[in-house]
Amino acid sequence: METIPIAVPRVGREEADAVHAQIVSGWISMGRKVAELEERICAYTGAVHAVAMCNGTATLHAALRAVGVGPGDEVVVPTLSYVSSANAVLYCGARPVFCEVSPQTFNVTPQTMRAALTDRTKAVMPVDLKGLPVDYDACNAFAAEHGLAVVLDSAESFGAKYKGRVVGNQCALHSFSFFANKSLTMGEGGVITTDDPELAKACRVFRNQGQSERYVHVAIGHNYRLTDMAAAFGLVQLSRVEGILAEKVELARRYDAAFAGQPLVRTPVVPDYADRPSWYMYCLLLDPGVDQAVFLATLRAHGVDYRLSFPPIHLQPVYRELFGFGDGDYPVSEDIYRRFVDIPCWAGMTDGQVARVVEATLAGVAAGAAGAR
């Protein structure tokens, strides 16, 4: 029995042809294709500026530097995120200060961030976990109240919609990732979107070794450039993204219906403000009465892949060592992590594959509940 993978990128001959055409053009480093991709992303998101880079961690780093985060500063970051959210803060010489998330949406709220504020807080970094937008208006109002910059880690939410508009300019800066399992992928890659010309300029300088013009270095920057080969790939992907998202929305609807009324497993909560999550992952939350190990063993027995979510960053060995974190420091996030399970959710899944995932999930819940007794 062939295993149903957790994620499969939708790529094909068009992407290969686009990359090949760029190779034979003789220009493979950052050039016109990157500029074209940036223009197309602006048109898609509604943002005035887009700055493409080599990956989503680079865009986070550049965005933080653009708002002035540096040594001695603190940035509020949810611990329930991928480690790059906090690492990018450390790259600036600043300190990530972790906060909890809502047990409903798994995203930060003004209330969860408030507890992490100090007189050294420079910025807040909400994260669109699983591709679900945070409440941007609420976060912006909170940041304005406290005089803080907002850098949105929107790595997983490209193409999502918030209050009727595609995500991309609701906050001062949005940082997106184009890793292999994202709705729009280039294998690696990322982009910053913003309406602020000065922030866009700072990001462009930072990605290109601090150059304001050729061989004029006005800052200590990095080589975070994207290649024209990757941009050619990304332009094809951008033409596919609405179709990909439409399929994932329908898949999420089918999962919602299949698991409705199941008391031992909770489907994703989507607030009214989020018109369309990107469905980067479809994440189930198991009831405490379900033995997770038994549940996962049942999925494996049915040939269904899964992913356990990111461990809270404060529990990563390097963060324990650096800052002395331990179990129980952020109990809400730790509890969510212990009960999270991502199931396959990708454009192109067949009806048979969806049915197998549903069958395996329901069997796993039943077996896990029995195993916990």
Protein backbone atom coordinates (compact mmCIF):
# COMPACT_ATOMS: atom_id res chain seq x y z
CA MET A 1 0.00 0.00 0.00
CA GLU A 2 1.45 3.33 -1.08
CA THR A 3 1.68 5.92 1.68
CA ILE A 4 -0.23 9.16 1.15
CA PRO A 5 2.35 11.91 1.75
CA ILE A 6 1.76 14.87 4.03
CA ALA A 7 2.48 17.40 1.26
CA VAL A 8 3.18 17.34 -2.48
CA PRO A 9 4.15 20.48 -4.41
CA ARG A 10 2.26 21.12 -7.64
CA VAL A 11 5.11 21.56 -10.10
CA GLY A 12 5.52 20.34 -13.63
CA ARG A 13 6.88 20.89 -17.11
CA GLU A 14 5.99 24.59 -17.17
CA GLU A 15 8.30 25.33 -14.23
CA ALA A 16 11.07 23.26 -15.81
CA ASP A 17 10.67 25.04 -19.15
CA ALA A 18 10.71 28.45 -17.47
CA VAL A 19 13.93 27.68 -15.60
CA HIS A 20 15.52 26.24 -18.76
CA ALA A 21 14.59 29.35 -20.74
CA GLN A 22 16.21 31.50 -18.08
CA ILE A 23 19.37 29.41 -18.15
CA VAL A 24 19.77 29.67 -21.92
CA SER A 25 19.09 33.42 -21.74
CA GLY A 26 22.52 33.78 -20.16
CA TRP A 27 21.27 35.64 -17.07
CA ILE A 28 20.82 33.42 -14.03
CA SER A 29 21.51 35.69 -11.03
CA MET A 30 19.20 38.41 -9.68
CA GLY A 31 17.90 40.53 -12.54
CA ARG A 32 14.80 41.23 -14.59
CA LYS A 33 12.93 38.06 -13.64
CA VAL A 34 13.21 38.89 -9.94
CA ALA A 35 11.88 42.37 -10.67
CA GLU A 36 9.01 40.86 -12.69
CA LEU A 37 8.16 38.46 -9.86
CA GLU A 38 8.13 41.36 -7.40
CA GLU A 39 5.78 43.35 -9.65
CA ARG A 40 3.44 40.38 -10.03
CA ILE A 41 3.39 39.77 -6.29
CA CYS A 42 2.48 43.41 -5.71
CA ALA A 43 -0.39 43.07 -8.17
CA TYR A 44 -1.57 39.89 -6.45
CA THR A 45 -1.32 41.04 -2.83
CA GLY A 46 -2.17 44.70 -3.30
CA ALA A 47 1.09 45.77 -1.66
CA VAL A 48 2.98 48.71 -3.13
CA HIS A 49 6.40 47.09 -2.75
CA ALA A 50 7.75 43.53 -2.81
CA VAL A 51 11.35 42.53 -2.09
CA ALA A 52 12.21 38.95 -3.04
CA MET A 53 14.96 37.06 -1.22
CA CYS A 54 16.55 33.62 -1.06
CA ASN A 55 14.35 32.25 1.74
CA GLY A 56 11.78 33.17 4.37
CA THR A 57 14.31 33.39 7.19
CA ALA A 58 16.26 36.01 5.24
CA THR A 59 13.09 38.05 4.79
CA LEU A 60 12.37 37.94 8.52
CA HIS A 61 15.90 39.09 9.32
CA ALA A 62 15.72 41.92 6.79
CA ALA A 63 12.28 43.03 7.99
CA LEU A 64 13.43 43.22 11.60
CA ARG A 65 16.50 45.22 10.64
CA ALA A 66 14.35 47.54 8.51
CA VAL A 67 12.27 48.54 11.56
CA GLY A 68 15.42 49.16 13.56
CA VAL A 69 15.68 46.07 15.77
CA GLY A 70 19.20 45.78 17.16
CA PRO A 71 21.32 44.91 20.19
CA GLY A 72 19.55 45.47 23.51
CA ASP A 73 16.08 45.33 21.97
CA GLU A 74 13.41 42.71 22.60
CA VAL A 75 10.88 41.31 20.16
CA VAL A 76 7.73 39.48 21.26
CA VAL A 77 7.44 36.15 19.42
CA PRO A 78 5.01 33.25 19.95
CA THR A 79 6.84 30.18 21.19
CA LEU A 80 4.47 28.03 19.12
CA SER A 81 6.20 28.67 15.80
CA TYR A 82 9.07 27.48 13.67
CA VAL A 83 12.47 28.27 15.14
CA SER A 84 13.34 30.79 12.41
CA SER A 85 10.88 33.28 13.93
CA ALA A 86 13.06 33.57 17.03
CA ASN A 87 16.39 32.98 15.29
CA ALA A 88 15.88 36.04 13.11
CA VAL A 89 15.61 38.15 16.26
CA LEU A 90 18.90 36.75 17.55
CA TYR A 91 20.57 37.54 14.20
CA CYS A 92 19.84 41.22 14.97
CA GLY A 93 21.58 40.98 18.34
CA ALA A 94 18.18 41.34 20.02
CA ARG A 95 16.35 38.96 22.34
CA PRO A 96 13.16 37.06 21.51
CA VAL A 97 10.65 37.21 24.37
CA PHE A 98 8.13 34.42 24.01
CA CYS A 99 4.40 34.66 24.49
CA GLU A 100 1.48 32.27 24.53
CA VAL A 101 -1.19 31.85 21.87
CA SER A 102 -4.95 31.51 21.80
CA PRO A 103 -5.99 27.89 22.45
CA GLN A 104 -8.70 28.40 19.81
CA THR A 105 -6.80 29.80 16.82
CA PHE A 106 -3.22 28.95 17.95
CA ASN A 107 -2.27 32.52 17.01
CA VAL A 108 -1.19 35.41 19.21
CA THR A 109 -3.66 38.01 20.45
CA PRO A 110 -3.10 41.40 22.10
CA GLN A 111 -3.83 39.71 25.41
CA THR A 112 -1.16 37.01 24.98
CA MET A 113 1.43 39.52 23.75
CA ARG A 114 0.77 42.02 26.53
CA ALA A 115 2.24 39.73 29.18
CA ALA A 116 5.57 39.68 27.32
CA LEU A 117 6.10 43.46 27.07
CA THR A 118 8.98 45.17 28.84
CA ASP A 119 10.59 48.58 28.55
CA ARG A 120 12.98 47.05 26.00
CA THR A 121 10.32 45.78 23.61
CA LYS A 122 10.96 47.19 20.13
CA ALA A 123 8.61 45.11 17.99
CA VAL A 124 6.08 42.31 17.95
CA MET A 125 6.17 39.39 15.53
CA PRO A 126 2.78 37.69 15.19
CA VAL A 127 2.83 34.42 13.20
CA ASP A 128 0.11 33.22 10.83
CA LEU A 129 0.33 29.65 12.11
CA LYS A 130 -0.88 26.94 9.70
CA GLY A 131 -1.72 29.68 7.19
CA LEU A 132 -4.46 31.25 9.35
CA PRO A 133 -4.09 35.04 9.46
CA VAL A 134 -3.88 36.62 12.88
CA ASP A 135 -6.27 39.47 13.59
CA TYR A 136 -4.10 42.12 11.95
CA ASP A 137 -6.27 45.08 12.92
CA ALA A 138 -6.17 44.06 16.57
CA CYS A 139 -2.39 43.55 16.46
CA ASN A 140 -1.84 46.90 14.74
CA ALA A 141 -3.95 48.70 17.34
CA PHE A 142 -2.08 46.97 20.15
CA ALA A 143 1.31 47.88 18.65
CA ALA A 144 0.27 51.49 18.10
CA GLU A 145 -0.91 51.72 21.71
CA HIS A 146 2.57 50.74 22.90
CA GLY A 147 4.65 52.43 20.19
CA LEU A 148 5.91 49.16 18.70
CA ALA A 149 6.78 48.02 15.19
CA VAL A 150 4.88 45.08 13.69
CA VAL A 151 6.66 42.46 11.58
CA LEU A 152 4.28 39.76 10.39
CA ASP A 153 5.69 36.26 10.00
CA SER A 154 3.26 35.31 7.23
CA ALA A 155 5.52 32.50 6.02
CA GLU A 156 2.62 30.04 5.77
CA SER A 157 -0.20 32.31 4.62
CA PHE A 158 0.60 33.42 1.05
CA GLY A 159 -2.73 33.76 -0.73
CA ALA A 160 -4.82 33.80 2.43
CA LYS A 161 -7.52 36.45 2.72
CA TYR A 162 -8.24 38.77 5.64
CA LYS A 163 -11.50 40.75 5.69
CA GLY A 164 -11.93 40.34 1.94
CA ARG A 165 -8.38 41.16 0.86
CA VAL A 166 -5.39 38.97 0.03
CA VAL A 167 -2.79 39.09 2.80
CA GLY A 168 0.17 41.34 2.08
CA ASN A 169 -0.30 44.92 3.22
CA GLN A 170 -2.46 44.74 6.33
CA CYS A 171 0.63 45.37 8.50
CA ALA A 172 3.80 47.37 7.98
CA LEU A 173 5.75 44.33 6.77
CA HIS A 174 4.73 40.80 5.81
CA SER A 175 7.37 38.10 5.41
CA PHE A 176 6.43 35.11 3.22
CA SER A 177 8.23 31.82 2.58
CA PHE A 178 8.25 29.84 -0.68
CA PHE A 179 9.61 26.60 0.76
CA ALA A 180 8.66 23.30 -0.88
CA ASN A 181 5.49 22.69 1.16
CA LYS A 182 3.99 26.16 0.71
CA SER A 183 1.06 26.93 -1.63
CA LEU A 184 3.49 28.84 -3.84
CA THR A 185 6.89 27.20 -3.91
CA MET A 186 10.26 27.75 -5.50
CA GLY A 187 11.95 25.06 -3.39
CA GLU A 188 13.39 27.94 -1.37
CA GLY A 189 12.70 31.64 -1.52
CA GLY A 190 10.76 34.37 0.20
CA VAL A 191 9.41 37.88 -0.19
CA ILE A 192 8.70 40.94 1.94
CA THR A 193 5.64 43.00 1.07
CA THR A 194 5.02 46.51 2.35
CA ASP A 195 3.38 49.81 1.42
CA ASP A 196 6.20 51.82 3.02
CA PRO A 197 8.86 52.99 0.51
CA GLU A 198 11.51 53.53 3.17
CA LEU A 199 11.07 50.06 4.63
CA ALA A 200 11.20 48.57 1.13
CA LYS A 201 14.39 50.52 0.38
CA ALA A 202 16.02 49.33 3.61
CA CYS A 203 15.17 45.71 2.76
CA ARG A 204 16.58 46.02 -0.75
CA VAL A 205 19.82 47.48 0.56
CA PHE A 206 20.11 44.81 3.23
CA ARG A 207 19.62 41.86 0.83
CA ASN A 208 22.38 43.08 -1.50
CA GLN A 209 25.41 43.46 0.80
CA GLY A 210 24.26 46.87 2.01
CA GLN A 211 24.54 48.49 -1.43
CA SER A 212 22.52 51.60 -2.21
CA GLU A 213 23.96 51.49 -5.73
CA ARG A 214 26.62 49.38 -7.38
CA TYR A 215 29.69 49.12 -5.15
CA VAL A 216 28.41 51.83 -2.81
CA HIS A 217 27.88 50.14 0.55
CA VAL A 218 25.93 52.23 3.03
CA ALA A 219 25.21 49.47 5.56
CA ILE A 220 26.41 46.06 6.68
CA GLY A 221 24.09 43.83 4.72
CA HIS A 222 23.92 40.23 3.60
CA ASN A 223 23.79 38.34 0.34
CA TYR A 224 20.11 37.42 0.50
CA ARG A 225 19.52 37.76 -3.24
CA LEU A 226 17.11 35.54 -5.18
CA THR A 227 18.20 34.17 -8.56
CA ASP A 228 16.38 34.81 -11.81
CA MET A 229 16.12 31.02 -12.23
CA ALA A 230 14.12 30.77 -9.02
CA ALA A 231 12.03 33.79 -9.99
CA ALA A 232 11.17 32.20 -13.35
CA PHE A 233 9.99 29.13 -11.44
CA GLY A 234 8.03 31.35 -9.05
CA LEU A 235 6.25 33.23 -11.83
CA VAL A 236 4.75 29.98 -13.10
CA GLN A 237 3.78 29.06 -9.56
CA LEU A 238 2.11 32.43 -9.06
CA SER A 239 -0.09 31.72 -12.09
CA ARG A 240 -1.17 28.47 -10.40
CA VAL A 241 -1.71 29.72 -6.85
CA GLU A 242 -5.43 30.57 -7.04
CA GLY A 243 -6.20 27.12 -8.42
CA ILE A 244 -4.07 25.48 -5.75
CA LEU A 245 -5.78 27.43 -2.98
CA ALA A 246 -9.25 26.67 -4.36
CA GLU A 247 -8.51 22.95 -4.19
CA LYS A 248 -7.16 23.21 -0.66
CA VAL A 249 -10.20 25.19 0.49
CA GLU A 250 -12.46 22.45 -0.89
CA LEU A 251 -10.33 19.76 0.75
CA ALA A 252 -10.56 21.54 4.11
CA ARG A 253 -14.34 21.76 3.68
CA ARG A 254 -14.49 18.00 3.10
CA TYR A 255 -12.39 17.31 6.17
CA ASP A 256 -14.53 19.67 8.26
CA ALA A 257 -17.65 17.80 7.20
CA ALA A 258 -16.12 14.36 7.76
CA PHE A 259 -14.97 15.16 11.30
CA ALA A 260 -17.94 17.29 12.37
CA GLY A 261 -19.49 16.06 15.58
CA GLN A 262 -16.51 13.95 16.55
CA PRO A 263 -16.10 14.74 20.27
CA LEU A 264 -12.48 13.54 20.55
CA VAL A 265 -10.92 15.54 17.74
CA ARG A 266 -11.21 19.24 16.96
CA THR A 267 -11.03 20.69 13.47
CA PRO A 268 -9.37 24.07 12.80
CA VAL A 269 -11.16 27.14 14.13
CA VAL A 270 -11.46 29.87 11.47
CA PRO A 271 -12.55 33.29 12.82
CA ASP A 272 -14.95 35.46 10.80
CA TYR A 273 -12.17 37.87 9.82
CA ALA A 274 -10.29 35.13 7.96
CA ASP A 275 -12.14 34.74 4.67
CA ARG A 276 -9.63 32.20 3.40
CA PRO A 277 -6.78 30.56 5.27
CA SER A 278 -4.06 29.29 2.94
CA TRP A 279 -4.50 25.81 4.47
CA TYR A 280 -0.74 25.39 4.60
CA MET A 281 -1.59 22.43 6.83
CA TYR A 282 -4.87 20.95 8.03
CA CYS A 283 -4.27 20.50 11.74
CA LEU A 284 -6.32 18.36 14.07
CA LEU A 285 -6.29 18.84 17.84
CA LEU A 286 -6.71 15.56 19.69
CA ASP A 287 -8.72 15.37 22.89
CA PRO A 288 -6.55 14.71 25.98
CA GLY A 289 -8.35 11.36 26.19
CA VAL A 290 -6.80 10.16 22.91
CA ASP A 291 -3.42 8.45 23.13
CA GLN A 292 -1.38 10.26 20.48
CA ALA A 293 1.08 7.40 19.97
CA VAL A 294 -1.75 4.95 19.26
CA PHE A 295 -3.42 7.47 16.94
CA LEU A 296 -0.22 7.92 14.94
CA ALA A 297 0.43 4.18 14.76
CA THR A 298 -3.04 3.75 13.28
CA LEU A 299 -2.36 6.37 10.59
CA ARG A 300 0.87 4.59 9.69
CA ALA A 301 -0.94 1.25 9.50
CA HIS A 302 -3.39 2.80 7.02
CA GLY A 303 -0.56 4.23 4.90
CA VAL A 304 -1.24 7.85 5.81
CA ASP A 305 1.62 10.23 6.48
CA TYR A 306 1.32 12.93 9.13
CA ARG A 307 3.35 15.69 10.70
CA LEU A 308 3.69 16.62 14.32
CA SER A 309 3.73 20.36 14.61
CA PHE A 310 6.72 22.52 15.48
CA PRO A 311 7.81 22.03 19.09
CA PRO A 312 7.54 25.26 21.10
CA ILE A 313 10.75 27.18 20.49
CA HIS A 314 11.54 27.56 24.19
CA LEU A 315 11.85 23.76 24.43
CA GLN A 316 14.44 23.50 21.65
CA PRO A 317 17.81 22.42 23.13
CA VAL A 318 19.63 25.55 22.01
CA TYR A 319 17.03 27.85 23.61
CA ARG A 320 17.04 25.85 26.82
CA GLU A 321 20.82 26.26 26.91
CA LEU A 322 20.86 29.95 25.99
CA PHE A 323 18.03 31.16 28.21
CA GLY A 324 17.36 28.40 30.74
CA PHE A 325 13.86 27.56 29.57
CA GLY A 326 12.21 24.39 30.81
CA ASP A 327 9.07 22.30 30.63
CA GLY A 328 6.01 24.12 31.90
CA ASP A 329 7.20 27.65 31.12
CA TYR A 330 4.50 28.11 28.46
CA PRO A 331 1.84 25.53 29.37
CA VAL A 332 -0.79 26.51 26.79
CA SER A 333 1.61 26.15 23.86
CA GLU A 334 3.10 22.95 25.28
CA ASP A 335 -0.34 21.39 25.66
CA ILE A 336 -1.34 22.33 22.12
CA TYR A 337 1.89 20.89 20.75
CA ARG A 338 1.34 17.56 22.50
CA ARG A 339 -2.09 17.23 20.84
CA PHE A 340 -1.41 18.69 17.35
CA VAL A 341 -1.41 16.40 14.30
CA ASP A 342 -1.23 17.60 10.68
CA ILE A 343 -2.84 15.33 8.09
CA PRO A 344 -2.31 15.35 4.28
CA CYS A 345 -3.64 18.51 2.65
CA TRP A 346 -2.39 19.27 -0.84
CA ALA A 347 -3.78 20.19 -4.23
CA GLY A 348 -4.21 17.13 -6.40
CA MET A 349 -5.34 14.65 -3.76
CA THR A 350 -7.75 12.11 -5.27
CA ASP A 351 -11.14 11.23 -3.83
CA GLY A 352 -9.71 7.85 -2.88
CA GLN A 353 -6.82 9.42 -1.01
CA VAL A 354 -9.12 11.79 0.87
CA ALA A 355 -11.37 8.87 1.83
CA ARG A 356 -8.37 6.91 3.12
CA VAL A 357 -7.18 9.82 5.23
CA VAL A 358 -10.64 10.26 6.74
CA GLU A 359 -10.96 6.54 7.43
CA ALA A 360 -7.52 6.37 9.01
CA THR A 361 -8.16 9.44 11.15
CA LEU A 362 -11.45 8.17 12.53
CA ALA A 363 -9.93 4.75 13.16
CA GLY A 364 -7.00 6.42 14.90
CA VAL A 365 -9.24 8.46 17.17
CA ALA A 366 -11.18 5.35 18.16
CA ALA A 367 -8.01 3.32 18.77
CA GLY A 368 -6.35 6.19 20.62
CA ALA A 369 -9.33 6.62 22.91
CA ALA A 370 -9.35 2.90 23.69
CA GLY A 371 -5.57 2.92 24.25
CA ALA A 372 -5.83 5.77 26.72
CA ARG A 373 -8.28 3.90 28.95
